[in-house]
Amino acid sequence: MARKAKRDRTVEEQLAHGPVDMPFLMLVLMLTVIGVVMVFSASYATALYDAKTAHNDPTYYFVKQAGFAVGGVLALYIVTKIDYQSFRWMSVGVLAASYVLLLLVFTPLGFGKATVGAQRWLKLGPINFQPSEIAKIGVILYFSARLCKRNTEKPKKLDPRSNLSGPIAFLRRIGFTELIPYGMILGSIAVLMLMEPHLSGTLLILLGGAAVLFAAGIRLQWFGVGLGGVAVLLLLMMAGYQSDRIKIWLDPWADPRGDGFQTIQSLLSIGSGGLLGVGLGKSRQKFDFLPEPENDYIFAIVCEELGLVGACVILFLFALLILRGFWIAIHARDRFGALLVVGIMTQMAGQVFLNIGVVTNLLPPTGISLPFFSYGGTALLIQLAEMGMVLSVSRQIPAAKSG
């Protein structure tokens, strides 16, 4: 028995140190490099005119983003070396940290930072980041760690003499009781996010959690209930601060010099790119026409400089990355790895869709960044670390299935 246990441990170690999925890794690196180049192209005019933050240095944002990209690739490499089974016990800590960070945003201790009328940022010394980035992966990790044991855990026996045994048994049969803890987590985080307010981040967290629940086999009717709840949430938000955004989305030219300015300039940027674009670095809209072109609206600069062809190539790379990620999930060694990758890749797909939908005015403005492209160091670090988690799962795919 001792020899068998030793042999089993050796197999585990060999699986944890297998080769990473090279197609997925190459796609991540390609998008990261292209993203850093586009940050330089989109930001140098803004940095040149900015004497307060960038000190009129046109390379200011590029140098910072490139540094974070190098750090992110290093983080990706380190995470790939970790046996992804370790993420199971980390999940509780990451989720708890998410709650703490989200609450710190509202404390009167000077940690919270308001931008554009929203209290979404946390300032810890020289580091500025949105706690929602931690909450996104925290929900996915915890849900994956819990739901991977869904089919093996036996429900607690009910006392037949209890008056509640009948109703509880009924709720179990329809799959309601197992959803309670997950619903409480998603609901409480959504409340904290909407207090900021951060609707787009809330939707992404709900999407990631729902993706893991769906892949785990939760009954489909509950997703209908969830969609109904999200619809009600959106209606309530429309009556609040989002109402002006809905109006601008429907007709940005109703306020061309006010709230509709950024949307109009984004559409002009996309339209002026034509088929092949005006050329890398030659955008005109980034010269104080399109506000903050290196952030949420960087895809408009991509369309202007690289044209329809270049934009489609980047979208194709994103599509390949997402599809390859789901391929890794399908071939994952165990249920935990599959659920983890499904959550990460679904959330990324949703973020790409939301950002491009806003830039093209397909969707109302939501303030969501484009993965690997939008300027933001900590966001890029976390995104690359998440890609490292996917690659960690890919290392344990049986050799016969890799390729």
Protein backbone atom coordinates (compact mmCIF):
# COMPACT_ATOMS: atom_id res chain seq x y z
CA MET A 1 0.00 0.00 0.00
CA ALA A 2 2.87 2.37 0.82
CA ARG A 3 4.44 1.77 -2.59
CA LYS A 4 1.10 2.37 -4.33
CA ALA A 5 0.60 5.65 -2.41
CA LYS A 6 4.08 6.76 -3.39
CA ARG A 7 3.42 5.90 -7.04
CA ASP A 8 0.11 7.84 -6.97
CA ARG A 9 1.84 10.90 -5.60
CA THR A 10 4.42 10.71 -8.36
CA VAL A 11 1.68 10.63 -10.98
CA GLU A 12 0.05 13.69 -9.38
CA GLU A 13 3.35 15.54 -9.48
CA GLN A 14 3.90 14.62 -13.11
CA LEU A 15 0.44 15.85 -14.06
CA ALA A 16 0.94 19.15 -12.24
CA HIS A 17 4.15 19.80 -14.18
CA GLY A 18 2.97 18.92 -17.67
CA PRO A 19 3.30 21.28 -20.66
CA VAL A 20 1.05 24.33 -20.87
CA ASP A 21 -1.38 24.77 -23.75
CA MET A 22 0.79 26.62 -26.28
CA PRO A 23 -2.02 27.91 -28.57
CA PHE A 24 -3.72 29.56 -25.58
CA LEU A 25 -0.43 31.00 -24.29
CA MET A 26 0.50 32.43 -27.69
CA LEU A 27 -2.91 34.08 -28.07
CA VAL A 28 -2.59 35.67 -24.62
CA LEU A 29 0.88 37.01 -25.40
CA MET A 30 -0.19 38.31 -28.82
CA LEU A 31 -3.16 40.20 -27.37
CA THR A 32 -1.00 41.59 -24.56
CA VAL A 33 1.68 42.89 -26.93
CA ILE A 34 -0.86 44.38 -29.35
CA GLY A 35 -2.69 45.94 -26.41
CA VAL A 36 0.46 47.62 -25.07
CA VAL A 37 1.30 48.97 -28.53
CA MET A 38 -2.22 50.37 -28.89
CA VAL A 39 -2.02 51.99 -25.44
CA PHE A 40 1.11 53.82 -26.63
CA SER A 41 -0.55 54.90 -29.85
CA ALA A 42 -3.80 55.95 -28.17
CA SER A 43 -2.28 57.68 -25.15
CA TYR A 44 0.73 59.65 -26.32
CA ALA A 45 -1.35 62.71 -27.30
CA THR A 46 -3.15 62.67 -23.94
CA ALA A 47 0.15 62.28 -22.08
CA LEU A 48 1.79 65.02 -24.15
CA TYR A 49 -0.88 67.54 -23.15
CA ASP A 50 -1.04 66.38 -19.51
CA ALA A 51 1.34 68.46 -17.40
CA LYS A 52 -0.09 67.43 -14.02
CA THR A 53 0.08 63.62 -14.15
CA ALA A 54 2.20 62.71 -17.18
CA HIS A 55 4.48 65.79 -17.01
CA ASN A 56 4.08 66.24 -20.79
CA ASP A 57 5.88 62.93 -21.38
CA PRO A 58 4.22 61.22 -24.39
CA THR A 59 5.53 57.81 -23.28
CA TYR A 60 4.19 58.09 -19.71
CA TYR A 61 1.19 55.72 -20.03
CA PHE A 62 3.06 53.38 -22.36
CA VAL A 63 5.98 52.89 -19.98
CA LYS A 64 3.66 52.20 -17.04
CA GLN A 65 1.49 49.79 -19.04
CA ALA A 66 4.52 47.99 -20.47
CA GLY A 67 5.92 47.58 -16.98
CA PHE A 68 2.66 46.11 -15.73
CA ALA A 69 2.54 43.84 -18.78
CA VAL A 70 5.98 42.46 -17.93
CA GLY A 71 4.87 41.99 -14.32
CA GLY A 72 1.65 40.37 -15.52
CA VAL A 73 3.49 37.89 -17.73
CA LEU A 74 5.71 37.05 -14.75
CA ALA A 75 2.57 36.56 -12.62
CA LEU A 76 1.13 34.35 -15.38
CA TYR A 77 4.30 32.23 -15.36
CA ILE A 78 4.26 31.86 -11.57
CA VAL A 79 0.56 30.92 -11.49
CA THR A 80 1.05 28.28 -14.20
CA LYS A 81 3.61 26.63 -11.93
CA ILE A 82 1.03 26.26 -9.14
CA ASP A 83 -1.00 23.08 -9.02
CA TYR A 84 -4.49 24.47 -9.64
CA GLN A 85 -5.88 22.19 -6.93
CA SER A 86 -4.34 24.71 -4.51
CA PHE A 87 -6.88 27.27 -5.71
CA ARG A 88 -9.59 25.30 -3.90
CA TRP A 89 -8.45 26.31 -0.42
CA MET A 90 -7.48 29.79 -1.63
CA SER A 91 -11.04 30.43 -2.81
CA VAL A 92 -12.44 31.24 0.65
CA GLY A 93 -9.65 33.73 1.35
CA VAL A 94 -10.03 35.46 -2.02
CA LEU A 95 -13.79 35.76 -1.59
CA ALA A 96 -13.38 37.12 1.96
CA ALA A 97 -10.79 39.61 0.71
CA SER A 98 -13.28 40.73 -1.95
CA TYR A 99 -15.83 41.67 0.71
CA VAL A 100 -13.22 43.51 2.79
CA LEU A 101 -11.95 45.50 -0.19
CA LEU A 102 -15.45 46.37 -1.39
CA LEU A 103 -16.33 47.63 2.09
CA LEU A 104 -13.11 49.67 2.34
CA VAL A 105 -14.28 51.74 -0.61
CA PHE A 106 -16.99 53.26 1.60
CA THR A 107 -15.03 53.67 4.84
CA PRO A 108 -14.16 57.22 5.99
CA LEU A 109 -10.47 56.29 6.17
CA GLY A 110 -9.48 57.84 2.86
CA PHE A 111 -9.12 54.55 0.97
CA GLY A 112 -12.03 55.12 -1.39
CA LYS A 113 -11.47 57.20 -4.51
CA ALA A 114 -14.30 58.76 -6.51
CA THR A 115 -14.04 59.23 -10.28
CA VAL A 116 -16.75 60.52 -12.63
CA GLY A 117 -19.34 60.46 -9.87
CA ALA A 118 -18.71 56.84 -8.81
CA GLN A 119 -16.87 55.48 -5.75
CA ARG A 120 -15.30 52.45 -7.45
CA TRP A 121 -11.60 52.79 -6.78
CA LEU A 122 -9.46 51.87 -3.80
CA LYS A 123 -6.24 53.73 -3.08
CA LEU A 124 -3.69 51.80 -1.01
CA GLY A 125 -0.52 53.87 -1.04
CA PRO A 126 0.72 54.18 -4.63
CA ILE A 127 -1.66 51.45 -5.85
CA ASN A 128 -5.06 52.32 -7.32
CA PHE A 129 -7.42 49.54 -8.35
CA GLN A 130 -11.07 48.53 -8.48
CA PRO A 131 -11.99 45.89 -5.86
CA SER A 132 -14.48 44.50 -8.38
CA GLU A 133 -11.49 42.93 -10.20
CA ILE A 134 -10.77 40.81 -7.11
CA ALA A 135 -14.47 40.06 -6.58
CA LYS A 136 -14.80 38.72 -10.14
CA ILE A 137 -12.24 35.97 -9.65
CA GLY A 138 -13.22 35.46 -5.99
CA VAL A 139 -16.78 34.47 -6.92
CA ILE A 140 -15.60 32.13 -9.69
CA LEU A 141 -13.02 30.43 -7.45
CA TYR A 142 -15.43 29.89 -4.57
CA PHE A 143 -18.31 28.69 -6.72
CA SER A 144 -16.01 26.29 -8.61
CA ALA A 145 -14.52 24.89 -5.41
CA ARG A 146 -17.96 24.28 -3.88
CA LEU A 147 -19.88 23.08 -6.94
CA CYS A 148 -17.21 20.63 -8.09
CA LYS A 149 -18.34 18.42 -5.16
CA ARG A 150 -22.04 18.87 -5.94
CA ASN A 151 -22.61 15.33 -7.22
CA THR A 152 -20.70 13.63 -4.41
CA GLU A 153 -22.07 15.41 -1.34
CA LYS A 154 -25.08 13.77 0.27
CA PRO A 155 -27.79 16.09 1.59
CA LYS A 156 -28.45 16.04 5.30
CA LYS A 157 -31.28 13.80 6.36
CA LEU A 158 -34.48 15.49 7.47
CA ASP A 159 -36.25 14.72 10.69
CA PRO A 160 -39.60 13.25 9.57
CA ARG A 161 -41.20 14.49 12.83
CA SER A 162 -40.39 18.11 12.01
CA ASN A 163 -43.16 20.30 10.58
CA LEU A 164 -40.64 21.77 8.17
CA SER A 165 -39.55 18.45 6.69
CA GLY A 166 -42.22 18.54 3.98
CA PRO A 167 -41.56 22.08 2.69
CA ILE A 168 -37.78 21.59 2.87
CA ALA A 169 -38.02 18.31 0.96
CA PHE A 170 -40.07 20.07 -1.72
CA LEU A 171 -37.55 22.91 -2.00
CA ARG A 172 -34.79 20.33 -2.33
CA ARG A 173 -36.60 18.54 -5.13
CA ILE A 174 -36.93 21.73 -7.17
CA GLY A 175 -33.27 22.62 -6.50
CA PHE A 176 -33.92 25.77 -4.48
CA THR A 177 -32.12 25.03 -1.24
CA GLU A 178 -28.72 24.44 -2.86
CA LEU A 179 -28.95 27.85 -4.55
CA ILE A 180 -29.43 29.78 -1.31
CA PRO A 181 -25.73 30.26 -0.38
CA TYR A 182 -24.77 31.16 -3.95
CA GLY A 183 -27.68 33.57 -4.26
CA MET A 184 -26.73 35.23 -0.97
CA ILE A 185 -23.14 35.71 -2.14
CA LEU A 186 -24.11 37.13 -5.53
CA GLY A 187 -26.81 39.31 -3.99
CA SER A 188 -24.59 40.79 -1.27
CA ILE A 189 -21.75 41.54 -3.69
CA ALA A 190 -24.22 43.04 -6.17
CA VAL A 191 -25.55 45.36 -3.45
CA LEU A 192 -22.02 46.56 -2.59
CA MET A 193 -21.22 47.06 -6.27
CA LEU A 194 -24.40 48.99 -7.00
CA MET A 195 -23.75 51.26 -4.05
CA GLU A 196 -20.60 52.51 -5.81
CA PRO A 197 -22.42 52.45 -8.38
CA HIS A 198 -20.85 50.00 -10.87
CA LEU A 199 -23.53 48.34 -13.00
CA SER A 200 -21.22 46.82 -15.62
CA GLY A 201 -18.98 45.25 -12.96
CA THR A 202 -22.06 43.86 -11.24
CA LEU A 203 -23.26 42.27 -14.47
CA LEU A 204 -19.85 40.66 -15.08
CA ILE A 205 -19.75 39.17 -11.57
CA LEU A 206 -23.29 37.83 -12.00
CA LEU A 207 -22.31 36.42 -15.42
CA GLY A 208 -19.24 34.63 -14.06
CA GLY A 209 -21.18 33.14 -11.17
CA ALA A 210 -24.06 32.11 -13.44
CA ALA A 211 -21.64 30.44 -15.88
CA VAL A 212 -20.20 28.25 -13.11
CA LEU A 213 -23.69 27.41 -11.84
CA PHE A 214 -24.82 26.48 -15.35
CA ALA A 215 -21.76 24.30 -16.02
CA ALA A 216 -22.29 22.58 -12.66
CA GLY A 217 -25.76 21.46 -13.75
CA ILE A 218 -28.10 23.79 -11.86
CA ARG A 219 -31.64 23.46 -13.17
CA LEU A 220 -32.39 25.72 -16.12
CA GLN A 221 -35.59 27.21 -14.72
CA TRP A 222 -33.58 29.04 -12.06
CA PHE A 223 -31.65 30.89 -14.76
CA GLY A 224 -34.98 32.18 -16.05
CA VAL A 225 -35.69 33.47 -12.55
CA GLY A 226 -32.24 35.03 -12.44
CA LEU A 227 -32.72 36.76 -15.80
CA GLY A 228 -35.99 38.14 -14.52
CA GLY A 229 -34.22 39.52 -11.47
CA VAL A 230 -31.53 41.15 -13.63
CA ALA A 231 -34.24 42.69 -15.82
CA VAL A 232 -35.92 44.18 -12.75
CA LEU A 233 -32.53 45.45 -11.57
CA LEU A 234 -31.91 47.15 -14.91
CA LEU A 235 -35.34 48.78 -14.83
CA LEU A 236 -34.67 50.14 -11.36
CA MET A 237 -31.27 51.43 -12.44
CA MET A 238 -32.84 53.18 -15.42
CA ALA A 239 -34.89 55.22 -13.00
CA GLY A 240 -31.71 56.36 -11.29
CA TYR A 241 -28.30 57.45 -12.51
CA GLN A 242 -28.50 55.21 -15.58
CA SER A 243 -31.55 57.00 -17.04
CA ASP A 244 -29.44 59.72 -18.67
CA ARG A 245 -27.18 57.06 -20.20
CA ILE A 246 -30.17 55.32 -21.75
CA LYS A 247 -31.34 58.59 -23.29
CA ILE A 248 -27.89 59.31 -24.71
CA TRP A 249 -27.63 55.78 -26.05
CA LEU A 250 -30.90 56.16 -27.94
CA ASP A 251 -29.95 59.59 -29.33
CA PRO A 252 -26.40 60.81 -28.60
CA TRP A 253 -26.92 63.80 -30.89
CA ALA A 254 -29.55 65.14 -28.49
CA ASP A 255 -26.65 66.46 -26.38
CA PRO A 256 -23.66 66.55 -28.77
CA ARG A 257 -21.51 68.80 -26.56
CA GLY A 258 -22.46 67.15 -23.28
CA ASP A 259 -23.21 63.54 -22.38
CA GLY A 260 -23.38 62.46 -26.02
CA PHE A 261 -19.96 63.88 -26.92
CA GLN A 262 -17.89 60.77 -26.20
CA THR A 263 -20.28 58.43 -28.04
CA ILE A 264 -20.36 60.70 -31.10
CA GLN A 265 -16.57 61.03 -31.18
CA SER A 266 -16.24 57.25 -30.82
CA LEU A 267 -18.52 56.66 -33.83
CA LEU A 268 -16.64 59.30 -35.85
CA SER A 269 -13.37 57.58 -34.96
CA ILE A 270 -14.67 54.18 -36.06
CA GLY A 271 -16.16 55.56 -39.29
CA SER A 272 -13.04 57.49 -40.27
CA GLY A 273 -10.93 54.33 -40.16
CA GLY A 274 -12.56 52.83 -43.21
CA LEU A 275 -11.40 49.44 -44.45
CA LEU A 276 -7.66 49.62 -43.79
CA GLY A 277 -7.42 52.52 -41.31
CA VAL A 278 -5.44 55.74 -41.34
CA GLY A 279 -2.31 53.98 -40.09
CA LEU A 280 -0.84 53.03 -36.72
CA GLY A 281 -0.21 56.15 -34.65
CA LYS A 282 -2.04 58.44 -37.07
CA SER A 283 -5.41 58.75 -35.32
CA ARG A 284 -6.87 62.27 -35.32
CA GLN A 285 -9.59 61.64 -32.75
CA LYS A 286 -7.09 61.05 -29.92
CA PHE A 287 -5.97 64.69 -30.13
CA ASP A 288 -8.45 66.00 -27.57
CA PHE A 289 -11.53 64.88 -29.52
CA LEU A 290 -12.24 61.47 -28.01
CA PRO A 291 -11.93 61.74 -24.18
CA GLU A 292 -9.45 59.34 -22.55
CA PRO A 293 -8.87 57.26 -25.70
CA GLU A 294 -6.45 54.91 -23.92
CA ASN A 295 -9.13 53.62 -21.53
CA ASP A 296 -12.65 52.33 -22.21
CA TYR A 297 -12.77 53.66 -25.79
CA ILE A 298 -9.43 52.35 -27.01
CA PHE A 299 -11.18 50.04 -29.48
CA ALA A 300 -12.42 53.14 -31.34
CA ILE A 301 -8.77 54.14 -31.87
CA VAL A 302 -8.03 50.59 -33.02
CA CYS A 303 -10.77 50.91 -35.65
CA GLU A 304 -9.54 54.32 -36.76
CA GLU A 305 -5.87 53.38 -37.08
CA LEU A 306 -6.15 49.75 -38.21
CA GLY A 307 -9.50 49.94 -39.99
CA LEU A 308 -12.18 47.30 -40.29
CA VAL A 309 -9.62 44.65 -41.24
CA GLY A 310 -7.41 45.28 -38.20
CA ALA A 311 -10.37 45.45 -35.83
CA CYS A 312 -11.71 42.14 -37.19
CA VAL A 313 -8.29 40.52 -36.74
CA ILE A 314 -8.26 41.55 -33.06
CA LEU A 315 -11.82 40.30 -32.58
CA PHE A 316 -10.79 37.04 -34.26
CA LEU A 317 -7.88 36.68 -31.79
CA PHE A 318 -10.27 37.23 -28.89
CA ALA A 319 -12.66 34.63 -30.36
CA LEU A 320 -9.83 32.10 -30.74
CA LEU A 321 -8.69 32.74 -27.16
CA ILE A 322 -12.19 32.23 -25.75
CA LEU A 323 -12.83 29.10 -27.83
CA ARG A 324 -9.47 27.61 -26.86
CA GLY A 325 -10.25 28.36 -23.25
CA PHE A 326 -13.49 26.41 -23.49
CA TRP A 327 -11.59 23.59 -25.20
CA ILE A 328 -9.33 23.46 -22.13
CA ALA A 329 -12.42 23.40 -19.90
CA ILE A 330 -13.93 20.48 -21.84
CA HIS A 331 -10.71 18.47 -21.55
CA ALA A 332 -9.86 19.47 -17.98
CA ARG A 333 -8.71 16.66 -15.72
CA ASP A 334 -11.48 17.18 -13.16
CA ARG A 335 -14.68 19.07 -12.50
CA PHE A 336 -13.04 21.84 -10.49
CA GLY A 337 -10.68 22.73 -13.34
CA ALA A 338 -13.52 22.70 -15.86
CA LEU A 339 -15.75 24.98 -13.78
CA LEU A 340 -12.88 27.37 -13.04
CA VAL A 341 -11.99 27.81 -16.72
CA VAL A 342 -15.64 28.13 -17.79
CA GLY A 343 -16.16 30.94 -15.29
CA ILE A 344 -13.01 32.84 -16.28
CA MET A 345 -13.54 32.57 -20.03
CA THR A 346 -17.27 33.37 -19.91
CA GLN A 347 -16.56 36.46 -17.87
CA MET A 348 -13.86 37.56 -20.31
CA ALA A 349 -16.17 36.99 -23.27
CA GLY A 350 -18.83 39.09 -21.56
CA GLN A 351 -16.36 41.90 -20.86
CA VAL A 352 -15.18 42.01 -24.47
CA PHE A 353 -18.78 42.07 -25.70
CA LEU A 354 -19.81 44.83 -23.28
CA ASN A 355 -16.84 47.05 -24.11
CA ILE A 356 -17.17 46.78 -27.89
CA GLY A 357 -20.94 47.10 -27.61
CA VAL A 358 -20.51 50.42 -25.78
CA VAL A 359 -17.83 51.74 -28.16
CA THR A 360 -20.03 51.02 -31.19
CA ASN A 361 -23.16 52.34 -29.36
CA LEU A 362 -24.79 48.92 -29.54
CA LEU A 363 -25.16 49.16 -25.74
CA PRO A 364 -25.57 52.08 -23.33
CA PRO A 365 -22.34 53.46 -21.79
CA THR A 366 -21.27 51.26 -18.88
CA GLY A 367 -17.66 52.17 -18.12
CA ILE A 368 -16.11 48.78 -18.82
CA SER A 369 -12.55 48.19 -20.03
CA LEU A 370 -11.32 46.02 -22.90
CA PRO A 371 -9.17 43.12 -21.59
CA PHE A 372 -5.44 43.40 -22.45
CA PHE A 373 -6.00 46.74 -24.24
CA SER A 374 -7.45 49.40 -21.92
CA TYR A 375 -4.92 51.29 -19.81
CA GLY A 376 -4.85 50.01 -16.24
CA GLY A 377 -1.96 48.21 -14.62
CA THR A 378 -3.62 46.26 -11.82
CA ALA A 379 -6.44 45.14 -14.13
CA LEU A 380 -3.87 43.81 -16.62
CA LEU A 381 -1.98 42.03 -13.82
CA ILE A 382 -5.14 40.29 -12.62
CA GLN A 383 -6.22 39.37 -16.16
CA LEU A 384 -2.87 37.75 -16.91
CA ALA A 385 -2.93 35.95 -13.55
CA GLU A 386 -6.36 34.57 -14.49
CA MET A 387 -4.92 33.38 -17.81
CA GLY A 388 -2.23 31.68 -15.74
CA MET A 389 -4.97 29.80 -13.87
CA VAL A 390 -6.36 28.55 -17.18
CA LEU A 391 -2.89 27.46 -18.25
CA SER A 392 -2.39 25.73 -14.90
CA VAL A 393 -5.49 23.67 -15.63
CA SER A 394 -4.19 22.92 -19.13
CA ARG A 395 -0.99 21.43 -17.68
CA GLN A 396 -2.94 18.51 -16.25
CA ILE A 397 -4.83 17.61 -19.43
CA PRO A 398 -3.93 14.02 -20.37
CA ALA A 399 -1.35 13.90 -23.15
CA ALA A 400 -3.66 11.98 -25.49
CA LYS A 401 -6.14 14.90 -25.49
CA SER A 402 -3.66 17.78 -25.90
CA GLY A 403 -3.10 19.39 -29.28
